């Protein structure tokens, strides 16, 4: 497995990471043993980077990773989690140091670690990206030893560029795949220049780019690929990268001869 050095993170991670939203919720039913088996298979394949969030199954994804690490999971795993979506309402005023401490404490307990490797703001309201005090609070968490580094998960390229310009930001997580290639133009070059890691999310467009689905495919009622196709539950970009299912299927058929 190829390793990538992230300058601002100060460590190398596998070029391919494992997203673990599906081990928490919103992808149909996944039992605990099967979830741990997924983590083990990834580690056996050379994956050293797991991505999770405190709201994936209300902490279930984090707890599963914690179990894996506790039961002797592969050494050298970097775990990135996220915070912010527990805020109700989800507004920029909720991004306080008090909440940051509470959220990171909960994630540390779920993962069974004293210090989190990487914490990302979980697609926060746009004003957060330009609020100096937010970055000061994140720096405080680093100084306190609760987190080793921080980054952001974004919805737009403008948010990504705003974050990359901040000297303390170690990573930016953004949608990038064959159907959503906009970040290649500005975001990736800016990140490379700044030494910021790019975490690609929705790389297979929620499985659409696997080529496994057709017009007859159905998903479980508790799978976001059933209930969020038009953005009814959360940002539509999280489901099939925001591409209508039928359009995506046609695109995949056109891609197959290029990447059999």
Protein backbone atom coordinates (compact mmCIF):
# COMPACT_ATOMS: atom_id res chain seq x y z
CA UNK A 1 0.00 0.00 0.00
CA UNK A 2 1.38 3.40 -0.97
CA UNK A 3 1.92 5.76 1.94
CA UNK A 4 1.37 9.53 1.77
CA UNK A 5 3.18 12.01 3.99
CA UNK A 6 0.89 14.80 5.23
CA UNK A 7 3.22 17.63 6.14
CA UNK A 8 0.98 19.49 8.55
CA UNK A 9 -0.21 16.27 10.16
CA UNK A 10 3.36 15.16 10.67
CA UNK A 11 2.75 11.54 9.75
CA UNK A 12 2.30 9.17 6.83
CA UNK A 13 -0.98 7.39 6.13
CA UNK A 14 -2.10 4.94 3.48
CA UNK A 15 -3.13 6.47 0.17
CA UNK A 16 -6.43 4.58 0.47
CA UNK A 17 -8.35 5.06 3.68
CA UNK A 18 -11.48 3.42 5.05
CA UNK A 19 -14.57 5.51 5.66
CA UNK A 20 -16.60 4.05 8.52
CA UNK A 21 -19.93 5.83 8.34
CA UNK A 22 -21.42 2.51 7.18
CA UNK A 23 -20.30 0.86 10.44
CA UNK A 24 -22.48 3.24 12.43
CA UNK A 25 -25.74 3.87 10.61
CA UNK A 26 -27.54 4.91 7.43
CA UNK A 27 -26.20 2.10 5.20
CA UNK A 28 -28.54 -0.70 6.22
CA UNK A 29 -27.84 -3.08 9.11
CA UNK A 30 -24.24 -3.96 9.97
CA UNK A 31 -23.70 -6.07 13.10
CA UNK A 32 -20.77 -5.52 15.43
CA UNK A 33 -18.75 -8.58 14.42
CA UNK A 34 -19.15 -7.81 10.73
CA UNK A 35 -18.05 -4.23 11.36
CA UNK A 36 -14.89 -5.37 13.12
CA UNK A 37 -14.24 -7.81 10.27
CA UNK A 38 -14.39 -4.90 7.81
CA UNK A 39 -11.80 -3.00 9.84
CA UNK A 40 -9.56 -6.06 10.02
CA UNK A 41 -9.82 -6.69 6.28
CA UNK A 42 -8.85 -3.09 5.60
CA UNK A 43 -5.88 -3.27 7.97
CA UNK A 44 -4.78 -6.58 6.43
CA UNK A 45 -4.83 -4.84 3.06
CA UNK A 46 -2.46 -2.14 4.25
CA UNK A 47 -4.98 0.56 5.15
CA UNK A 48 -3.65 2.68 8.02
CA UNK A 49 -6.22 5.49 7.92
CA UNK A 50 -9.77 5.19 9.29
CA UNK A 51 -12.27 8.04 8.98
CA UNK A 52 -15.22 8.29 11.35
CA UNK A 53 -17.42 10.86 13.13
CA UNK A 54 -19.12 11.25 16.47
CA UNK A 55 -22.57 11.19 14.84
CA UNK A 56 -22.12 7.99 12.82
CA UNK A 57 -24.65 5.87 14.66
CA UNK A 58 -24.48 8.35 17.57
CA UNK A 59 -20.97 7.11 18.37
CA UNK A 60 -21.36 3.47 17.29
CA UNK A 61 -18.77 3.80 14.53
CA UNK A 62 -16.21 5.29 16.92
CA UNK A 63 -16.96 2.61 19.50
CA UNK A 64 -16.46 -0.13 16.92
CA UNK A 65 -13.07 1.27 15.95
CA UNK A 66 -12.22 1.51 19.64
CA UNK A 67 -13.12 -2.17 20.07
CA UNK A 68 -10.96 -3.09 17.09
CA UNK A 69 -7.97 -1.21 18.45
CA UNK A 70 -8.52 -2.59 21.94
CA UNK A 71 -8.72 -6.19 20.70
CA UNK A 72 -5.34 -5.95 19.02
CA UNK A 73 -6.04 -4.22 15.75
CA UNK A 74 -3.08 -3.44 13.54
CA UNK A 75 -0.50 -1.05 14.92
CA UNK A 76 0.06 2.31 13.29
CA UNK A 77 -3.59 3.11 12.53
CA UNK A 78 -4.42 6.82 12.29
CA UNK A 79 -8.04 7.56 13.20
CA UNK A 80 -9.68 10.76 12.03
CA UNK A 81 -12.99 11.66 13.61
CA UNK A 82 -15.29 14.67 13.26
CA UNK A 83 -17.27 16.95 15.51
CA UNK A 84 -19.91 19.64 15.25
CA UNK A 85 -22.97 17.82 13.99
CA UNK A 86 -24.10 17.04 17.51
CA UNK A 87 -24.92 20.72 17.90
CA UNK A 88 -28.63 21.40 18.04
CA UNK A 89 -29.37 23.64 16.31
CA UNK A 90 -26.39 23.27 13.98
CA UNK A 91 -25.33 26.91 13.96
CA UNK A 92 -21.97 28.66 14.14
CA UNK A 93 -22.72 29.93 17.66
CA UNK A 94 -22.46 26.32 18.87
CA UNK A 95 -18.77 26.11 17.93
CA UNK A 96 -17.57 27.09 21.41
CA UNK A 97 -14.55 25.83 23.33
CA UNK A 98 -16.88 24.31 25.91
CA UNK A 99 -18.65 22.26 23.23
CA UNK A 100 -15.37 21.35 21.55
CA UNK A 101 -14.09 19.94 24.82
CA UNK A 102 -17.29 18.00 25.46
CA UNK A 103 -17.37 16.55 21.94
CA UNK A 104 -13.71 15.54 21.94
CA UNK A 105 -14.01 14.02 25.42
CA UNK A 106 -16.89 11.88 24.17
CA UNK A 107 -14.93 10.78 21.10
CA UNK A 108 -11.87 9.95 23.19
CA UNK A 109 -14.04 7.77 25.42
CA UNK A 110 -15.67 6.07 22.42
CA UNK A 111 -12.30 5.33 20.82
CA UNK A 112 -10.57 4.50 24.09
CA UNK A 113 -7.68 6.91 23.55
CA UNK A 114 -6.20 9.77 25.52
CA UNK A 115 -5.55 11.93 22.47
CA UNK A 116 -7.36 12.00 19.13
CA UNK A 117 -5.10 11.75 16.08
CA UNK A 118 -7.14 14.12 13.93
CA UNK A 119 -10.43 15.94 14.53
CA UNK A 120 -12.29 17.59 11.69
CA UNK A 121 -15.09 20.10 11.89
CA UNK A 122 -17.98 18.21 10.30
CA UNK A 123 -19.22 20.37 7.42
CA UNK A 124 -19.85 23.35 9.69
CA UNK A 125 -21.93 26.41 8.77
CA UNK A 126 -20.05 28.52 6.23
CA UNK A 127 -19.37 31.45 8.65
CA UNK A 128 -17.28 29.11 10.82
CA UNK A 129 -14.54 28.94 8.20
CA UNK A 130 -13.81 32.66 8.47
CA UNK A 131 -14.13 32.94 12.26
CA UNK A 132 -10.68 33.40 13.84
CA UNK A 133 -11.90 32.40 17.28
CA UNK A 134 -12.86 28.93 16.05
CA UNK A 135 -9.28 28.19 15.03
CA UNK A 136 -8.03 29.63 18.33
CA UNK A 137 -10.28 27.15 20.15
CA UNK A 138 -8.97 24.27 18.05
CA UNK A 139 -5.42 25.37 18.82
CA UNK A 140 -6.36 25.30 22.50
CA UNK A 141 -7.41 21.63 22.18
CA UNK A 142 -4.01 20.85 20.67
CA UNK A 143 -2.25 22.71 23.49
CA UNK A 144 -4.33 20.83 26.06
CA UNK A 145 -3.35 17.49 24.54
CA UNK A 146 -6.90 16.42 23.67
CA UNK A 147 -6.15 16.30 19.95
CA UNK A 148 -2.95 15.99 17.94
CA UNK A 149 -4.21 17.90 14.91
CA UNK A 150 -7.34 19.33 13.33
CA UNK A 151 -8.91 19.76 9.93
CA UNK A 152 -12.25 20.41 8.26
CA UNK A 153 -14.79 18.55 6.18
CA UNK A 154 -16.34 20.86 3.61
CA UNK A 155 -19.25 21.09 1.23
CA UNK A 156 -17.79 23.64 -1.21
CA UNK A 157 -14.47 24.44 -2.87
CA UNK A 158 -14.58 27.98 -1.46
CA UNK A 159 -14.77 26.57 2.07
CA UNK A 160 -11.82 24.30 1.30
CA UNK A 161 -9.67 27.18 0.08
CA UNK A 162 -10.59 29.26 3.14
CA UNK A 163 -9.50 26.43 5.43
CA UNK A 164 -6.27 25.69 3.55
CA UNK A 165 -5.19 29.30 4.12
CA UNK A 166 -5.32 28.75 7.90
CA UNK A 167 -1.87 27.72 9.19
CA UNK A 168 -3.18 25.26 11.78
CA UNK A 169 -5.40 23.24 9.44
CA UNK A 170 -3.84 19.83 8.74
CA UNK A 171 -6.47 18.33 6.43
CA UNK A 172 -9.45 19.11 4.24
CA UNK A 173 -12.07 16.49 3.45
CA UNK A 174 -14.01 17.07 0.24
CA UNK A 175 -16.13 15.17 -2.26
CA UNK A 176 -14.04 14.10 -5.24
CA UNK A 177 -14.77 11.39 -7.77
CA UNK A 178 -15.27 10.84 -11.50
CA UNK A 179 -18.56 12.76 -11.33
CA UNK A 180 -17.32 15.58 -9.08
CA UNK A 181 -13.87 16.64 -10.33
CA UNK A 182 -14.02 20.36 -9.56
CA UNK A 183 -11.52 20.20 -6.65
CA UNK A 184 -8.77 19.19 -9.09
CA UNK A 185 -8.64 22.73 -10.49
CA UNK A 186 -7.79 24.81 -7.40
CA UNK A 187 -8.24 22.91 -4.17
CA UNK A 188 -5.72 20.10 -4.66
CA UNK A 189 -2.93 22.38 -5.95
CA UNK A 190 -3.49 24.79 -3.04
CA UNK A 191 -3.43 21.94 -0.54
CA UNK A 192 -0.24 20.50 -2.01
CA UNK A 193 1.45 23.90 -1.84
CA UNK A 194 0.41 24.37 1.79
CA UNK A 195 1.20 20.83 2.94
CA UNK A 196 -2.44 20.17 3.79
CA UNK A 197 -3.75 16.62 3.45
CA UNK A 198 -6.74 15.98 1.20
CA UNK A 199 -9.17 13.33 2.42
CA UNK A 200 -11.37 12.34 -0.50
CA UNK A 201 -14.90 11.48 0.58
CA UNK A 202 -17.66 9.81 -1.45
CA UNK A 203 -14.92 8.53 -3.82
CA UNK A 204 -17.19 5.85 -5.29
CA UNK A 205 -20.33 8.00 -5.22
CA UNK A 206 -21.96 5.88 -2.48
CA UNK A 207 -21.04 2.71 -4.39
CA UNK A 208 -22.46 3.90 -7.71
CA UNK A 209 -18.99 3.89 -9.31
CA UNK A 210 -18.46 0.29 -8.24
CA UNK A 211 -20.57 -0.73 -11.25
CA UNK A 212 -22.62 -3.09 -9.11
CA UNK A 213 -25.96 -1.30 -9.38
CA UNK A 214 -28.62 -1.03 -12.05
CA UNK A 215 -32.22 0.19 -12.37
CA UNK A 216 -33.45 -2.84 -10.43
CA UNK A 217 -31.20 -2.30 -7.40
CA UNK A 218 -32.97 -1.57 -4.13
CA UNK A 219 -31.49 -0.52 -0.80
CA UNK A 220 -32.73 -1.06 2.75
CA UNK A 221 -35.23 1.47 4.16
CA UNK A 222 -32.60 2.61 6.70
CA UNK A 223 -29.98 3.14 3.98
CA UNK A 224 -29.45 6.80 2.98
CA UNK A 225 -29.36 5.65 -0.65
CA UNK A 226 -33.08 5.06 -0.17
CA UNK A 227 -34.17 8.00 1.96
CA UNK A 228 -31.82 10.82 0.98
CA UNK A 229 -31.72 10.76 -2.82
CA UNK A 230 -33.10 14.29 -3.03
CA UNK A 231 -31.46 15.60 0.14
CA UNK A 232 -34.45 15.05 2.40
CA UNK A 233 -32.33 14.13 5.46
CA UNK A 234 -28.96 15.87 4.89
CA UNK A 235 -26.84 17.36 2.13
CA UNK A 236 -27.69 15.68 -1.16
CA UNK A 237 -23.99 15.50 -2.07
CA UNK A 238 -23.53 12.71 0.47
CA UNK A 239 -25.77 10.38 -1.56
CA UNK A 240 -24.48 9.33 -4.99
CA UNK A 241 -22.38 12.55 -4.90
CA UNK A 242 -25.56 14.52 -5.57
CA UNK A 243 -26.04 12.92 -8.98
CA UNK A 244 -29.52 11.54 -9.79
CA UNK A 245 -29.38 7.74 -9.66
CA UNK A 246 -30.47 7.19 -13.27
CA UNK A 247 -27.98 9.76 -14.53
CA UNK A 248 -25.25 8.11 -12.51
CA UNK A 249 -26.02 4.70 -13.95
CA UNK A 250 -25.73 6.08 -17.48
CA UNK A 251 -22.41 7.72 -16.60
CA UNK A 252 -21.09 4.44 -15.20
CA UNK A 253 -22.01 2.62 -18.41
CA UNK A 254 -20.02 5.19 -20.37
CA UNK A 255 -17.07 4.82 -18.02
CA UNK A 256 -16.89 1.02 -18.12
CA UNK A 257 -15.08 0.80 -21.49
CA UNK A 258 -12.53 3.33 -20.20
CA UNK A 259 -11.89 1.51 -16.91
CA UNK A 260 -13.04 -2.10 -17.32
